[in-house]
Amino acid sequence: MNLELENYGRADLVTLPKQLVMANAPDARNAIKDLIRQGHTRLVLDLQAVDFVDSSGLSVLVSTLKAAQAENGEVGLLGPTHGVRSLIELTRLHKVFEIYEDRQAAVQRLN
């Protein structure tokens, strides 16, 4: 899976697919872990266009956070849609991830 990556100094913005589900979660997880292995450890995961996430998609978010933290990195979430935000809050992941509505604020915080 090719993920769109934009570099902003020390922080990188990763645009996730429209749906983050069991069918594409392993590919997304591997692609993000490859980025982390390449040194991209301060990630903003762009969720603005993601309209559906299942439990496999949530596991991608959590495994990304764990992998980045293992390399002294950080992960923030940008602009989750209403449905995705509801799932994040229902699973209490909003207590684990910093969530941003503004790209500039997210990038500045992780830089």
PDB file of N, CA and C in Angstrom:
ATOM      1  N   MET A   1       0.846  -1.173   0.000  1.00  0.00           N
ATOM      2  CA  MET A   1       0.000   0.000   0.000  1.00  0.00           C
ATOM      3  C   MET A   1       0.890   1.234   0.000  1.00  0.00           C
ATOM      4  N   ASN A   2       0.593   2.144  -0.881  1.00  0.00           N
ATOM      5  CA  ASN A   2       1.313   3.405  -0.928  1.00  0.00           C
ATOM      6  C   ASN A   2       0.512   4.452  -0.189  1.00  0.00           C
ATOM      7  N   LEU A   3       1.093   4.989   0.857  1.00  0.00           N
ATOM      8  CA  LEU A   3       0.457   6.049   1.624  1.00  0.00           C
ATOM      9  C   LEU A   3       1.085   7.369   1.231  1.00  0.00           C
ATOM     10  N   GLU A   4       0.283   8.407   1.184  1.00  0.00           N
ATOM     11  CA  GLU A   4       0.807   9.730   0.867  1.00  0.00           C
ATOM     12  C   GLU A   4       1.527  10.274   2.094  1.00  0.00           C
ATOM     13  N   LEU A   5       2.754  10.717   1.898  1.00  0.00           N
ATOM     14  CA  LEU A   5       3.588  11.223   2.982  1.00  0.00           C
ATOM     15  C   LEU A   5       4.048  12.633   2.636  1.00  0.00           C
ATOM     16  N   GLU A   6       3.792  13.563   3.546  1.00  0.00           N
ATOM     17  CA  GLU A   6       4.261  14.936   3.382  1.00  0.00           C
ATOM     18  C   GLU A   6       5.164  15.271   4.557  1.00  0.00           C
ATOM     19  N   ASN A   7       6.335  15.799   4.270  1.00  0.00           N
ATOM     20  CA  ASN A   7       7.299  16.125   5.298  1.00  0.00           C
ATOM     21  C   ASN A   7       7.176  17.577   5.712  1.00  0.00           C
ATOM     22  N   TYR A   8       7.180  17.812   7.016  1.00  0.00           N
ATOM     23  CA  TYR A   8       7.133  19.151   7.598  1.00  0.00           C
ATOM     24  C   TYR A   8       8.227  19.260   8.649  1.00  0.00           C
ATOM     25  N   GLY A   9       9.456  19.284   8.221  1.00  0.00           N
ATOM     26  CA  GLY A   9      10.565  19.330   9.173  1.00  0.00           C
ATOM     27  C   GLY A   9      10.740  17.973   9.824  1.00  0.00           C
ATOM     28  N   ARG A  10      10.640  17.932  11.154  1.00  0.00           N
ATOM     29  CA  ARG A  10      10.779  16.656  11.872  1.00  0.00           C
ATOM     30  C   ARG A  10       9.495  15.833  11.840  1.00  0.00           C
ATOM     31  N   ALA A  11       8.370  16.471  11.529  1.00  0.00           N
ATOM     32  CA  ALA A  11       7.077  15.777  11.515  1.00  0.00           C
ATOM     33  C   ALA A  11       6.686  15.389  10.089  1.00  0.00           C
ATOM     34  N   ASP A  12       5.957  14.292   9.987  1.00  0.00           N
ATOM     35  CA  ASP A  12       5.466  13.821   8.696  1.00  0.00           C
ATOM     36  C   ASP A  12       3.960  13.620   8.781  1.00  0.00           C
ATOM     37  N   LEU A  13       3.271  14.035   7.741  1.00  0.00           N
ATOM     38  CA  LEU A  13       1.831  13.848   7.642  1.00  0.00           C
ATOM     39  C   LEU A  13       1.573  12.642   6.741  1.00  0.00           C
ATOM     40  N   VAL A  14       0.832  11.663   7.255  1.00  0.00           N
ATOM     41  CA  VAL A  14       0.510  10.449   6.512  1.00  0.00           C
ATOM     42  C   VAL A  14      -0.991  10.442   6.256  1.00  0.00           C
ATOM     43  N   THR A  15      -1.378  10.450   4.980  1.00  0.00           N
ATOM     44  CA  THR A  15      -2.782  10.408   4.618  1.00  0.00           C
ATOM     45  C   THR A  15      -3.220   8.958   4.530  1.00  0.00           C
ATOM     46  N   LEU A  16      -4.230   8.611   5.311  1.00  0.00           N
ATOM     47  CA  LEU A  16      -4.725   7.238   5.370  1.00  0.00           C
ATOM     48  C   LEU A  16      -5.833   7.028   4.337  1.00  0.00           C
ATOM     49  N   PRO A  17      -6.080   5.765   3.963  1.00  0.00           N
ATOM     50  CA  PRO A  17      -7.119   5.481   2.956  1.00  0.00           C
ATOM     51  C   PRO A  17      -8.517   5.813   3.474  1.00  0.00           C
ATOM     52  N   LYS A  18      -9.455   5.902   2.550  1.00  0.00           N
ATOM     53  CA  LYS A  18     -10.836   6.277   2.860  1.00  0.00           C
ATOM     54  C   LYS A  18     -11.477   5.343   3.880  1.00  0.00           C
ATOM     55  N   GLN A  19     -11.116   4.075   3.829  1.00  0.00           N
ATOM     56  CA  GLN A  19     -11.584   3.114   4.824  1.00  0.00           C
ATOM     57  C   GLN A  19     -10.375   2.386   5.393  1.00  0.00           C
ATOM     58  N   LEU A  20     -10.385   2.221   6.685  1.00  0.00           N
ATOM     59  CA  LEU A  20      -9.313   1.505   7.370  1.00  0.00           C
ATOM     60  C   LEU A  20      -9.974   0.307   8.041  1.00  0.00           C
ATOM     61  N   VAL A  21      -9.981  -0.813   7.291  1.00  0.00           N
ATOM     62  CA  VAL A  21     -10.738  -2.000   7.684  1.00  0.00           C
ATOM     63  C   VAL A  21      -9.880  -3.256   7.550  1.00  0.00           C
ATOM     64  N   MET A  22     -10.454  -4.371   7.939  1.00  0.00           N
ATOM     65  CA  MET A  22      -9.723  -5.639   7.935  1.00  0.00           C
ATOM     66  C   MET A  22      -9.061  -5.931   6.582  1.00  0.00           C
ATOM     67  N   ALA A  23      -9.710  -5.564   5.514  1.00  0.00           N
ATOM     68  CA  ALA A  23      -9.179  -5.863   4.182  1.00  0.00           C
ATOM     69  C   ALA A  23      -7.864  -5.151   3.886  1.00  0.00           C
ATOM     70  N   ASN A  24      -7.686  -3.933   4.407  1.00  0.00           N
ATOM     71  CA  ASN A  24      -6.462  -3.196   4.091  1.00  0.00           C
ATOM     72  C   ASN A  24      -5.596  -2.887   5.318  1.00  0.00           C
ATOM     73  N   ALA A  25      -6.055  -3.260   6.495  1.00  0.00           N
ATOM     74  CA  ALA A  25      -5.309  -2.953   7.717  1.00  0.00           C
ATOM     75  C   ALA A  25      -3.898  -3.539   7.732  1.00  0.00           C
ATOM     76  N   PRO A  26      -3.702  -4.803   7.340  1.00  0.00           N
ATOM     77  CA  PRO A  26      -2.330  -5.324   7.361  1.00  0.00           C
ATOM     78  C   PRO A  26      -1.389  -4.540   6.441  1.00  0.00           C
ATOM     79  N   ASP A  27      -1.874  -4.176   5.261  1.00  0.00           N
ATOM     80  CA  ASP A  27      -1.033  -3.405   4.340  1.00  0.00           C
ATOM     81  C   ASP A  27      -0.730  -2.017   4.897  1.00  0.00           C
ATOM     82  N   ALA A  28      -1.747  -1.376   5.478  1.00  0.00           N
ATOM     83  CA  ALA A  28      -1.545  -0.052   6.064  1.00  0.00           C
ATOM     84  C   ALA A  28      -0.553  -0.123   7.220  1.00  0.00           C
ATOM     85  N   ARG A  29      -0.725  -1.126   8.080  1.00  0.00           N
ATOM     86  CA  ARG A  29       0.180  -1.307   9.227  1.00  0.00           C
ATOM     87  C   ARG A  29       1.626  -1.492   8.746  1.00  0.00           C
ATOM     88  N   ASN A  30       1.818  -2.353   7.765  1.00  0.00           N
ATOM     89  CA  ASN A  30       3.171  -2.609   7.255  1.00  0.00           C
ATOM     90  C   ASN A  30       3.770  -1.374   6.604  1.00  0.00           C
ATOM     91  N   ALA A  31       2.963  -0.634   5.852  1.00  0.00           N
ATOM     92  CA  ALA A  31       3.467   0.576   5.193  1.00  0.00           C
ATOM     93  C   ALA A  31       3.897   1.613   6.225  1.00  0.00           C
ATOM     94  N   ILE A  32       3.101   1.776   7.276  1.00  0.00           N
ATOM     95  CA  ILE A  32       3.446   2.756   8.311  1.00  0.00           C
ATOM     96  C   ILE A  32       4.668   2.292   9.101  1.00  0.00           C
ATOM     97  N   LYS A  33       4.731   1.009   9.411  1.00  0.00           N
ATOM     98  CA  LYS A  33       5.912   0.510  10.135  1.00  0.00           C
ATOM     99  C   LYS A  33       7.178   0.669   9.296  1.00  0.00           C
ATOM    100  N   ASP A  34       7.057   0.512   7.969  1.00  0.00           N
ATOM    101  CA  ASP A  34       8.205   0.766   7.094  1.00  0.00           C
ATOM    102  C   ASP A  34       8.649   2.220   7.204  1.00  0.00           C
ATOM    103  N   LEU A  35       7.695   3.133   7.236  1.00  0.00           N
ATOM    104  CA  LEU A  35       8.041   4.552   7.399  1.00  0.00           C
ATOM    105  C   LEU A  35       8.777   4.792   8.709  1.00  0.00           C
ATOM    106  N   ILE A  36       8.295   4.172   9.767  1.00  0.00           N
ATOM    107  CA  ILE A  36       8.940   4.335  11.075  1.00  0.00           C
ATOM    108  C   ILE A  36      10.348   3.760  11.042  1.00  0.00           C
ATOM    109  N   ARG A  37      10.510   2.604  10.426  1.00  0.00           N
ATOM    110  CA  ARG A  37      11.864   2.019  10.309  1.00  0.00           C
ATOM    111  C   ARG A  37      12.802   2.910   9.497  1.00  0.00           C
ATOM    112  N   GLN A  38      12.246   3.698   8.583  1.00  0.00           N
ATOM    113  CA  GLN A  38      13.042   4.623   7.779  1.00  0.00           C
ATOM    114  C   GLN A  38      13.338   5.927   8.517  1.00  0.00           C
ATOM    115  N   GLY A  39      12.858   6.033   9.754  1.00  0.00           N
ATOM    116  CA  GLY A  39      13.175   7.207  10.557  1.00  0.00           C
ATOM    117  C   GLY A  39      12.055   8.223  10.686  1.00  0.00           C
ATOM    118  N   HIS A  40      10.900   7.948  10.114  1.00  0.00           N
ATOM    119  CA  HIS A  40       9.748   8.852  10.231  1.00  0.00           C
ATOM    120  C   HIS A  40       8.996   8.482  11.510  1.00  0.00           C
ATOM    121  N   THR A  41       9.430   9.048  12.626  1.00  0.00           N
ATOM    122  CA  THR A  41       8.889   8.632  13.926  1.00  0.00           C
ATOM    123  C   THR A  41       7.962   9.664  14.561  1.00  0.00           C
ATOM    124  N   ARG A  42       7.801  10.809  13.931  1.00  0.00           N
ATOM    125  CA  ARG A  42       6.902  11.846  14.443  1.00  0.00           C
ATOM    126  C   ARG A  42       5.812  12.016  13.394  1.00  0.00           C
ATOM    127  N   LEU A  43       4.722  11.270  13.582  1.00  0.00           N
ATOM    128  CA  LEU A  43       3.698  11.161  12.551  1.00  0.00           C
ATOM    129  C   LEU A  43       2.390  11.829  12.935  1.00  0.00           C
ATOM    130  N   VAL A  44       1.811  12.505  11.964  1.00  0.00           N
ATOM    131  CA  VAL A  44       0.443  12.986  12.057  1.00  0.00           C
ATOM    132  C   VAL A  44      -0.343  12.124  11.072  1.00  0.00           C
ATOM    133  N   LEU A  45      -1.286  11.344  11.587  1.00  0.00           N
ATOM    134  CA  LEU A  45      -2.112  10.490  10.740  1.00  0.00           C
ATOM    135  C   LEU A  45      -3.349  11.280  10.332  1.00  0.00           C
ATOM    136  N   ASP A  46      -3.456  11.574   9.047  1.00  0.00           N
ATOM    137  CA  ASP A  46      -4.545  12.386   8.518  1.00  0.00           C
ATOM    138  C   ASP A  46      -5.783  11.512   8.330  1.00  0.00           C
ATOM    139  N   LEU A  47      -6.798  11.770   9.134  1.00  0.00           N
ATOM    140  CA  LEU A  47      -8.044  11.002   9.092  1.00  0.00           C
ATOM    141  C   LEU A  47      -9.190  11.797   8.478  1.00  0.00           C
ATOM    142  N   GLN A  48      -8.894  12.928   7.868  1.00  0.00           N
ATOM    143  CA  GLN A  48      -9.948  13.811   7.366  1.00  0.00           C
ATOM    144  C   GLN A  48     -10.810  13.166   6.284  1.00  0.00           C
ATOM    145  N   ALA A  49     -10.240  12.286   5.491  1.00  0.00           N
ATOM    146  CA  ALA A  49     -10.997  11.644   4.413  1.00  0.00           C
ATOM    147  C   ALA A  49     -11.430  10.221   4.762  1.00  0.00           C
ATOM    148  N   VAL A  50     -11.103   9.773   5.962  1.00  0.00           N
ATOM    149  CA  VAL A  50     -11.445   8.410   6.381  1.00  0.00           C
ATOM    150  C   VAL A  50     -12.890   8.414   6.863  1.00  0.00           C
ATOM    151  N   ASP A  51     -13.729   7.626   6.181  1.00  0.00           N
ATOM    152  CA  ASP A  51     -15.137   7.620   6.568  1.00  0.00           C
ATOM    153  C   ASP A  51     -15.554   6.371   7.333  1.00  0.00           C
ATOM    154  N   PHE A  52     -14.661   5.373   7.428  1.00  0.00           N
ATOM    155  CA  PHE A  52     -15.019   4.170   8.175  1.00  0.00           C
ATOM    156  C   PHE A  52     -13.775   3.488   8.713  1.00  0.00           C
ATOM    157  N   VAL A  53     -13.829   3.114   9.978  1.00  0.00           N
ATOM    158  CA  VAL A  53     -12.757   2.379  10.638  1.00  0.00           C
ATOM    159  C   VAL A  53     -13.403   1.247  11.427  1.00  0.00           C
ATOM    160  N   ASP A  54     -12.843   0.043  11.310  1.00  0.00           N
ATOM    161  CA  ASP A  54     -13.309  -1.058  12.154  1.00  0.00           C
ATOM    162  C   ASP A  54     -12.225  -1.367  13.190  1.00  0.00           C
ATOM    163  N   SER A  55     -12.412  -2.451  13.924  1.00  0.00           N
ATOM    164  CA  SER A  55     -11.449  -2.776  14.987  1.00  0.00           C
ATOM    165  C   SER A  55     -10.050  -3.018  14.430  1.00  0.00           C
ATOM    166  N   SER A  56      -9.954  -3.556  13.227  1.00  0.00           N
ATOM    167  CA  SER A  56      -8.640  -3.755  12.603  1.00  0.00           C
ATOM    168  C   SER A  56      -7.979  -2.412  12.314  1.00  0.00           C
ATOM    169  N   GLY A  57      -8.774  -1.446  11.888  1.00  0.00           N
ATOM    170  CA  GLY A  57      -8.252  -0.105  11.645  1.00  0.00           C
ATOM    171  C   GLY A  57      -7.784   0.561  12.921  1.00  0.00           C
ATOM    172  N   LEU A  58      -8.537   0.370  14.004  1.00  0.00           N
ATOM    173  CA  LEU A  58      -8.095   0.909  15.292  1.00  0.00           C
ATOM    174  C   LEU A  58      -6.780   0.284  15.720  1.00  0.00           C
ATOM    175  N   SER A  59      -6.622  -1.002  15.424  1.00  0.00           N
ATOM    176  CA  SER A  59      -5.363  -1.664  15.792  1.00  0.00           C
ATOM    177  C   SER A  59      -4.191  -1.086  14.998  1.00  0.00           C
ATOM    178  N   VAL A  60      -4.448  -0.617  13.786  1.00  0.00           N
ATOM    179  CA  VAL A  60      -3.390   0.046  13.007  1.00  0.00           C
ATOM    180  C   VAL A  60      -2.947   1.315  13.732  1.00  0.00           C
ATOM    181  N   LEU A  61      -3.909   2.083  14.221  1.00  0.00           N
ATOM    182  CA  LEU A  61      -3.569   3.312  14.942  1.00  0.00           C
ATOM    183  C   LEU A  61      -2.748   3.010  16.190  1.00  0.00           C
ATOM    184  N   VAL A  62      -3.186   2.017  16.961  1.00  0.00           N
ATOM    185  CA  VAL A  62      -2.486   1.668  18.201  1.00  0.00           C
ATOM    186  C   VAL A  62      -1.096   1.109  17.913  1.00  0.00           C
ATOM    187  N   SER A  63      -0.975   0.235  16.923  1.00  0.00           N
ATOM    188  CA  SER A  63       0.340  -0.341  16.621  1.00  0.00           C
ATOM    189  C   SER A  63       1.288   0.728  16.076  1.00  0.00           C
ATOM    190  N   THR A  64       0.741   1.709  15.366  1.00  0.00           N
ATOM    191  CA  THR A  64       1.570   2.825  14.892  1.00  0.00           C
ATOM    192  C   THR A  64       2.118   3.606  16.086  1.00  0.00           C
ATOM    193  N   LEU A  65       1.249   3.888  17.041  1.00  0.00           N
ATOM    194  CA  LEU A  65       1.684   4.620  18.232  1.00  0.00           C
ATOM    195  C   LEU A  65       2.766   3.847  18.977  1.00  0.00           C
ATOM    196  N   LYS A  66       2.559   2.556  19.178  1.00  0.00           N
ATOM    197  CA  LYS A  66       3.551   1.745  19.890  1.00  0.00           C
ATOM    198  C   LYS A  66       4.884   1.709  19.150  1.00  0.00           C
ATOM    199  N   ALA A  67       4.837   1.532  17.840  1.00  0.00           N
ATOM    200  CA  ALA A  67       6.075   1.470  17.053  1.00  0.00           C
ATOM    201  C   ALA A  67       6.815   2.800  17.094  1.00  0.00           C
ATOM    202  N   ALA A  68       6.084   3.903  16.990  1.00  0.00           N
ATOM    203  CA  ALA A  68       6.725   5.219  17.039  1.00  0.00           C
ATOM    204  C   ALA A  68       7.315   5.489  18.417  1.00  0.00           C
ATOM    205  N   GLN A  69       6.570   5.157  19.460  1.00  0.00           N
ATOM    206  CA  GLN A  69       7.072   5.382  20.819  1.00  0.00           C
ATOM    207  C   GLN A  69       8.298   4.529  21.111  1.00  0.00           C
ATOM    208  N   ALA A  70       8.388   3.354  20.526  1.00  0.00           N
ATOM    209  CA  ALA A  70       9.565   2.503  20.710  1.00  0.00           C
ATOM    210  C   ALA A  70      10.813   3.159  20.133  1.00  0.00           C
ATOM    211  N   GLU A  71      10.614   4.101  19.205  1.00  0.00           N
ATOM    212  CA  GLU A  71      11.726   4.844  18.603  1.00  0.00           C
ATOM    213  C   GLU A  71      11.753   6.285  19.120  1.00  0.00           C
ATOM    214  N   ASN A  72      11.175   6.504  20.300  1.00  0.00           N
ATOM    215  CA  ASN A  72      11.087   7.834  20.918  1.00  0.00           C
ATOM    216  C   ASN A  72      10.325   8.827  20.049  1.00  0.00           C
ATOM    217  N   GLY A  73       9.339   8.333  19.311  1.00  0.00           N
ATOM    218  CA  GLY A  73       8.523   9.178  18.451  1.00  0.00           C
ATOM    219  C   GLY A  73       7.167   9.461  19.047  1.00  0.00           C
ATOM    220  N   GLU A  74       6.340  10.131  18.252  1.00  0.00           N
ATOM    221  CA  GLU A  74       4.996  10.501  18.670  1.00  0.00           C
ATOM    222  C   GLU A  74       4.045  10.346  17.495  1.00  0.00           C
ATOM    223  N   VAL A  75       2.767  10.191  17.806  1.00  0.00           N
ATOM    224  CA  VAL A  75       1.731  10.088  16.783  1.00  0.00           C
ATOM    225  C   VAL A  75       0.548  10.941  17.211  1.00  0.00           C
ATOM    226  N   GLY A  76       0.065  11.751  16.288  1.00  0.00           N
ATOM    227  CA  GLY A  76      -1.149  12.525  16.501  1.00  0.00           C
ATOM    228  C   GLY A  76      -2.139  12.205  15.404  1.00  0.00           C
ATOM    229  N   LEU A  77      -3.404  12.455  15.681  1.00  0.00           N
ATOM    230  CA  LEU A  77      -4.471  12.207  14.712  1.00  0.00           C
ATOM    231  C   LEU A  77      -5.038  13.543  14.242  1.00  0.00           C
ATOM    232  N   LEU A  78      -5.191  13.678  12.937  1.00  0.00           N
ATOM    233  CA  LEU A  78      -5.691  14.924  12.359  1.00  0.00           C
ATOM    234  C   LEU A  78      -7.101  14.742  11.816  1.00  0.00           C
ATOM    235  N   GLY A  79      -8.018  15.540  12.311  1.00  0.00           N
ATOM    236  CA  GLY A  79      -9.338  15.698  11.743  1.00  0.00           C
ATOM    237  C   GLY A  79     -10.184  14.470  11.542  1.00  0.00           C
ATOM    238  N   PRO A  80     -10.325  13.610  12.546  1.00  0.00           N
ATOM    239  CA  PRO A  80     -11.189  12.457  12.323  1.00  0.00           C
ATOM    240  C   PRO A  80     -12.627  12.904  12.030  1.00  0.00           C
ATOM    241  N   THR A  81     -13.245  12.236  11.079  1.00  0.00           N
ATOM    242  CA  THR A  81     -14.639  12.527  10.750  1.00  0.00           C
ATOM    243  C   THR A  81     -15.517  12.169  11.948  1.00  0.00           C
ATOM    244  N   HIS A  82     -16.755  12.602  11.916  1.00  0.00           N
ATOM    245  CA  HIS A  82     -17.651  12.414  13.062  1.00  0.00           C
ATOM    246  C   HIS A  82     -17.748  10.942  13.478  1.00  0.00           C
ATOM    247  N   GLY A  83     -17.988  10.055  12.528  1.00  0.00           N
ATOM    248  CA  GLY A  83     -18.123   8.638  12.849  1.00  0.00           C
ATOM    249  C   GLY A  83     -16.844   8.039  13.401  1.00  0.00           C
ATOM    250  N   VAL A  84     -15.723   8.406  12.812  1.00  0.00           N
ATOM    251  CA  VAL A  84     -14.429   7.892  13.270  1.00  0.00           C
ATOM    252  C   VAL A  84     -14.110   8.450  14.654  1.00  0.00           C
ATOM    253  N   ARG A  85     -14.381   9.724  14.867  1.00  0.00           N
ATOM    254  CA  ARG A  85     -14.146  10.326  16.186  1.00  0.00           C
ATOM    255  C   ARG A  85     -15.008   9.643  17.243  1.00  0.00           C
ATOM    256  N   SER A  86     -16.248   9.337  16.901  1.00  0.00           N
ATOM    257  CA  SER A  86     -17.140   8.658  17.853  1.00  0.00           C
ATOM    258  C   SER A  86     -16.565   7.315  18.267  1.00  0.00           C
ATOM    259  N   LEU A  87     -16.027   6.561  17.303  1.00  0.00           N
ATOM    260  CA  LEU A  87     -15.418   5.267  17.613  1.00  0.00           C
ATOM    261  C   LEU A  87     -14.163   5.443  18.468  1.00  0.00           C
ATOM    262  N   ILE A  88     -13.367   6.440  18.155  1.00  0.00           N
ATOM    263  CA  ILE A  88     -12.160   6.718  18.941  1.00  0.00           C
ATOM    264  C   ILE A  88     -12.543   7.050  20.386  1.00  0.00           C
ATOM    265  N   GLU A  89     -13.592   7.824  20.547  1.00  0.00           N
ATOM    266  CA  GLU A  89     -14.025   8.186  21.898  1.00  0.00           C
ATOM    267  C   GLU A  89     -14.670   7.001  22.613  1.00  0.00           C
ATOM    268  N   LEU A  90     -15.455   6.216  21.892  1.00  0.00           N
ATOM    269  CA  LEU A  90     -16.093   5.042  22.487  1.00  0.00           C
ATOM    270  C   LEU A  90     -15.055   4.068  23.031  1.00  0.00           C
ATOM    271  N   THR A  91     -13.952   3.924  22.331  1.00  0.00           N
ATOM    272  CA  THR A  91     -12.887   3.010  22.747  1.00  0.00           C
ATOM    273  C   THR A  91     -11.860   3.707  23.644  1.00  0.00           C
ATOM    274  N   ARG A  92     -12.135   4.964  23.970  1.00  0.00           N
ATOM    275  CA  ARG A  92     -11.305   5.771  24.869  1.00  0.00           C
ATOM    276  C   ARG A  92      -9.894   6.033  24.330  1.00  0.00           C
ATOM    277  N   LEU A  93      -9.715   5.868  23.045  1.00  0.00           N
ATOM    278  CA  LEU A  93      -8.405   6.147  22.453  1.00  0.00           C
ATOM    279  C   LEU A  93      -8.106   7.647  22.409  1.00  0.00           C
ATOM    280  N   HIS A  94      -9.121   8.479  22.590  1.00  0.00           N
ATOM    281  CA  HIS A  94      -8.876   9.918  22.657  1.00  0.00           C
ATOM    282  C   HIS A  94      -8.062  10.276  23.900  1.00  0.00           C
ATOM    283  N   LYS A  95      -7.980   9.359  24.855  1.00  0.00           N
ATOM    284  CA  LYS A  95      -7.149   9.560  26.045  1.00  0.00           C
ATOM    285  C   LYS A  95      -5.685   9.209  25.757  1.00  0.00           C
ATOM    286  N   VAL A  96      -5.459   8.485  24.659  1.00  0.00           N
ATOM    287  CA  VAL A  96      -4.123   8.003  24.312  1.00  0.00           C
ATOM    288  C   VAL A  96      -3.494   8.866  23.211  1.00  0.00           C
ATOM    289  N   PHE A  97      -4.309   9.292  22.262  1.00  0.00           N
ATOM    290  CA  PHE A  97      -3.833  10.086  21.124  1.00  0.00           C
ATOM    291  C   PHE A  97      -4.187  11.551  21.305  1.00  0.00           C
ATOM    292  N   GLU A  98      -3.284  12.415  20.851  1.00  0.00           N
ATOM    293  CA  GLU A  98      -3.636  13.823  20.723  1.00  0.00           C
ATOM    294  C   GLU A  98      -4.379  13.949  19.405  1.00  0.00           C
ATOM    295  N   ILE A  99      -5.514  14.634  19.435  1.00  0.00           N
ATOM    296  CA  ILE A  99      -6.336  14.812  18.245  1.00  0.00           C
ATOM    297  C   ILE A  99      -6.342  16.289  17.892  1.00  0.00           C
ATOM    298  N   TYR A 100      -6.084  16.565  16.623  1.00  0.00           N
ATOM    299  CA  TYR A 100      -6.008  17.942  16.126  1.00  0.00           C
ATOM    300  C   TYR A 100      -7.042  18.152  15.038  1.00  0.00           C
ATOM    301  N   GLU A 101      -7.588  19.340  14.993  1.00  0.00           N
ATOM    302  CA  GLU A 101      -8.502  19.704  13.910  1.00  0.00           C
ATOM    303  C   GLU A 101      -7.785  20.552  12.869  1.00  0.00           C
ATOM    304  N   ASP A 102      -6.614  21.035  13.203  1.00  0.00           N
ATOM    305  CA  ASP A 102      -5.862  21.936  12.326  1.00  0.00           C
ATOM    306  C   ASP A 102      -4.514  21.319  11.979  1.00  0.00           C
ATOM    307  N   ARG A 103      -4.243  21.204  10.693  1.00  0.00           N
ATOM    308  CA  ARG A 103      -2.991  20.604  10.216  1.00  0.00           C
ATOM    309  C   ARG A 103      -1.781  21.342  10.760  1.00  0.00           C
ATOM    310  N   GLN A 104      -1.810  22.663  10.695  1.00  0.00           N
ATOM    311  CA  GLN A 104      -0.661  23.458  11.136  1.00  0.00           C
ATOM    312  C   GLN A 104      -0.367  23.222  12.614  1.00  0.00           C
ATOM    313  N   ALA A 105      -1.407  23.173  13.429  1.00  0.00           N
ATOM    314  CA  ALA A 105      -1.218  22.936  14.874  1.00  0.00           C
ATOM    315  C   ALA A 105      -0.622  21.563  15.123  1.00  0.00           C
ATOM    316  N   ALA A 106      -1.091  20.558  14.400  1.00  0.00           N
ATOM    317  CA  ALA A 106      -0.576  19.201  14.564  1.00  0.00           C
ATOM    318  C   ALA A 106       0.894  19.113  14.194  1.00  0.00           C
ATOM    319  N   VAL A 107       1.217  19.693  13.066  1.00  0.00           N
ATOM    320  CA  VAL A 107       2.596  19.651  12.583  1.00  0.00           C
ATOM    321  C   VAL A 107       3.522  20.426  13.520  1.00  0.00           C
ATOM    322  N   GLN A 108       3.084  21.592  13.959  1.00  0.00           N
ATOM    323  CA  GLN A 108       3.913  22.382  14.873  1.00  0.00           C
ATOM    324  C   GLN A 108       4.141  21.647  16.179  1.00  0.00           C
ATOM    325  N   ARG A 109       3.119  20.992  16.693  1.00  0.00           N
ATOM    326  CA  ARG A 109       3.239  20.282  17.971  1.00  0.00           C
ATOM    327  C   ARG A 109       4.236  19.127  17.873  1.00  0.00           C
ATOM    328  N   LEU A 110       4.263  18.445  16.732  1.00  0.00           N
ATOM    329  CA  LEU A 110       5.149  17.299  16.597  1.00  0.00           C
ATOM    330  C   LEU A 110       6.527  17.641  16.055  1.00  0.00           C
ATOM    331  N   ASN A 111       6.738  18.877  15.700  1.00  0.00           N
ATOM    332  CA  ASN A 111       8.051  19.295  15.193  1.00  0.00           C
ATOM    333  C   ASN A 111       9.024  19.572  16.290  1.00  0.00           C
TER     334      ASN A 111
END
